[in-house]
Amino acid sequence: MTGAAIRGMRALKRILTLSQGAALVVLFSCLPTDPPGGPDENGLIDFDEAVIELSAGGERELVVRGYVPTPCHSVSLQPVTYIMQPDYWNIQVLADAGTDPCAQLLTPYEARLVLDHSVGTRGIEVIGRNKSRRMDVP
């Protein structure tokens, strides 16, 4: 290789290093503070699946599955409080990230709730951030 070719390769290597570093800076500066699928201002989180299963003790149990944006999020199923029994009892899917900093890493979750006193005259409605699902409960 000639001296000019070697200098050209060194210059190219510096440019690539600089552009990779710049891309890295841009990538991290553009990370959203509230990633898609994260909880909204009320704590509601998206869910992918909601099913009713029978537990080993024969109790009906709501099982909800989905993903949270960090492993620090804890998910709970919170029945709404009613004065009179509704047709469909609303059960909210809520997430709490706590106060500690946490890495952004999409993490699967599964939350369960025994359906003892949280069933409407016809069933339940699972309420997430962007969707809800009505389920008849016999």
Protein backbone atom coordinates (compact mmCIF):
# COMPACT_ATOMS: atom_id res chain seq x y z
CA MET A 1 0.00 0.00 0.00
CA THR A 2 1.14 3.48 -0.70
CA GLY A 3 1.50 6.17 1.94
CA ALA A 4 -1.49 8.06 0.52
CA ALA A 5 -3.70 4.96 0.73
CA ILE A 6 -2.71 4.34 4.36
CA ARG A 7 -3.40 8.01 5.27
CA GLY A 8 -6.75 7.77 3.46
CA MET A 9 -7.70 4.64 5.43
CA ARG A 10 -6.72 6.33 8.70
CA ALA A 11 -8.85 9.35 7.78
CA LEU A 12 -11.77 7.06 6.87
CA LYS A 13 -11.37 5.22 10.19
CA ARG A 14 -11.52 8.54 12.09
CA ILE A 15 -14.63 9.61 10.18
CA LEU A 16 -16.35 6.28 10.87
CA THR A 17 -15.44 6.49 14.54
CA LEU A 18 -16.74 10.04 14.71
CA SER A 19 -19.97 9.21 12.88
CA GLN A 20 -20.60 6.15 15.06
CA GLY A 21 -20.02 8.24 18.17
CA ALA A 22 -22.36 10.94 16.83
CA ALA A 23 -25.01 8.35 15.99
CA LEU A 24 -24.69 6.95 19.49
CA VAL A 25 -25.18 10.40 21.01
CA VAL A 26 -28.20 11.03 18.79
CA LEU A 27 -29.66 7.63 19.63
CA PHE A 28 -29.44 8.18 23.37
CA SER A 29 -30.61 11.78 23.22
CA CYS A 30 -33.75 10.65 21.32
CA LEU A 31 -34.85 7.96 23.75
CA PRO A 32 -38.41 8.70 24.86
CA THR A 33 -38.97 9.51 28.52
CA ASP A 34 -42.20 7.48 28.43
CA PRO A 35 -41.61 4.54 26.07
CA PRO A 36 -44.53 3.18 24.03
CA GLY A 37 -46.55 0.77 26.10
CA GLY A 38 -45.56 2.42 29.38
CA PRO A 39 -48.18 3.45 31.90
CA ASP A 40 -50.31 6.53 31.24
CA GLU A 41 -50.81 9.32 33.80
CA ASN A 42 -53.32 7.11 35.70
CA GLY A 43 -50.99 4.10 35.75
CA LEU A 44 -52.93 2.09 33.13
CA ILE A 45 -50.71 -0.25 31.09
CA ASP A 46 -51.33 -2.21 27.88
CA PHE A 47 -52.09 -5.91 27.97
CA ASP A 48 -51.86 -8.58 25.28
CA GLU A 49 -53.98 -11.36 26.76
CA ALA A 50 -56.72 -11.67 29.37
CA VAL A 51 -58.22 -15.06 30.26
CA ILE A 52 -60.24 -16.59 33.08
CA GLU A 53 -58.80 -19.78 34.52
CA LEU A 54 -59.81 -22.09 37.34
CA SER A 55 -57.29 -22.21 40.17
CA ALA A 56 -56.31 -25.45 41.91
CA GLY A 57 -58.90 -24.60 44.59
CA GLY A 58 -61.66 -24.24 41.97
CA GLU A 59 -61.81 -20.42 42.14
CA ARG A 60 -62.21 -18.33 38.98
CA GLU A 61 -59.06 -16.29 38.43
CA LEU A 62 -58.40 -13.49 35.93
CA VAL A 63 -54.96 -13.84 34.33
CA VAL A 64 -53.58 -10.89 32.34
CA ARG A 65 -50.32 -10.98 30.36
CA GLY A 66 -48.34 -8.37 28.47
CA TYR A 67 -45.09 -6.40 28.52
CA VAL A 68 -43.80 -3.53 30.64
CA PRO A 69 -41.03 -1.17 29.49
CA THR A 70 -38.65 -2.01 32.39
CA PRO A 71 -38.08 -4.91 34.78
CA CYS A 72 -38.70 -2.45 37.66
CA HIS A 73 -42.41 -2.12 36.84
CA SER A 74 -44.84 -4.06 39.00
CA VAL A 75 -48.28 -4.81 37.55
CA SER A 76 -51.50 -5.23 39.52
CA LEU A 77 -55.16 -5.80 38.69
CA GLN A 78 -57.38 -3.29 40.49
CA PRO A 79 -61.17 -3.74 40.55
CA VAL A 80 -63.15 -0.48 40.45
CA THR A 81 -65.35 0.18 43.51
CA TYR A 82 -69.11 0.24 42.85
CA ILE A 83 -72.11 1.01 45.03
CA MET A 84 -74.33 -1.38 43.02
CA GLN A 85 -73.26 -4.40 41.00
CA PRO A 86 -72.78 -3.37 37.33
CA ASP A 87 -73.36 -5.54 34.27
CA TYR A 88 -69.59 -5.71 33.69
CA TRP A 89 -67.21 -5.04 36.56
CA ASN A 90 -64.26 -2.92 35.43
CA ILE A 91 -60.83 -4.23 36.40
CA GLN A 92 -57.91 -1.92 35.64
CA VAL A 93 -54.44 -3.16 34.63
CA LEU A 94 -52.06 -0.85 36.52
CA ALA A 95 -48.27 -0.54 36.52
CA ASP A 96 -45.96 1.18 38.96
CA ALA A 97 -42.28 1.77 38.16
CA GLY A 98 -41.28 2.86 41.65
CA THR A 99 -38.77 5.66 42.17
CA ASP A 100 -35.43 3.95 41.46
CA PRO A 101 -33.76 4.41 38.04
CA CYS A 102 -34.14 1.37 35.83
CA ALA A 103 -32.85 0.22 32.44
CA GLN A 104 -35.27 0.29 29.51
CA LEU A 105 -35.80 -3.41 28.78
CA LEU A 106 -39.10 -4.77 27.53
CA THR A 107 -40.14 -7.33 30.17
CA PRO A 108 -43.06 -9.79 30.14
CA TYR A 109 -45.54 -9.72 33.03
CA GLU A 110 -48.38 -11.86 34.31
CA ALA A 111 -50.89 -10.55 36.86
CA ARG A 112 -53.63 -12.56 38.58
CA LEU A 113 -56.81 -11.70 40.48
CA VAL A 114 -59.26 -14.09 42.13
CA LEU A 115 -62.74 -13.16 40.91
CA ASP A 116 -64.64 -13.56 44.15
CA HIS A 117 -66.49 -10.25 44.65
CA SER A 118 -65.46 -8.43 41.47
CA VAL A 119 -67.87 -9.86 38.90
CA GLY A 120 -70.81 -7.97 37.40
CA THR A 121 -74.19 -9.50 36.62
CA ARG A 122 -72.84 -10.48 33.18
CA GLY A 123 -69.05 -10.52 33.67
CA ILE A 124 -65.95 -8.34 33.79
CA GLU A 125 -64.26 -5.75 31.60
CA VAL A 126 -60.45 -5.60 31.66
CA ILE A 127 -59.30 -1.99 31.15
CA GLY A 128 -55.81 -1.28 29.80
CA ARG A 129 -54.08 1.83 28.48
CA ASN A 130 -55.24 1.52 24.86
CA LYS A 131 -57.88 -1.19 24.88
CA SER A 132 -60.44 -3.01 26.97
CA ARG A 133 -61.93 -6.47 26.78
CA ARG A 134 -65.35 -7.60 28.02
CA MET A 135 -65.62 -11.16 29.20
CA ASP A 136 -68.81 -12.96 30.18
CA VAL A 137 -68.42 -14.86 33.44
CA PRO A 138 -70.96 -17.64 34.08
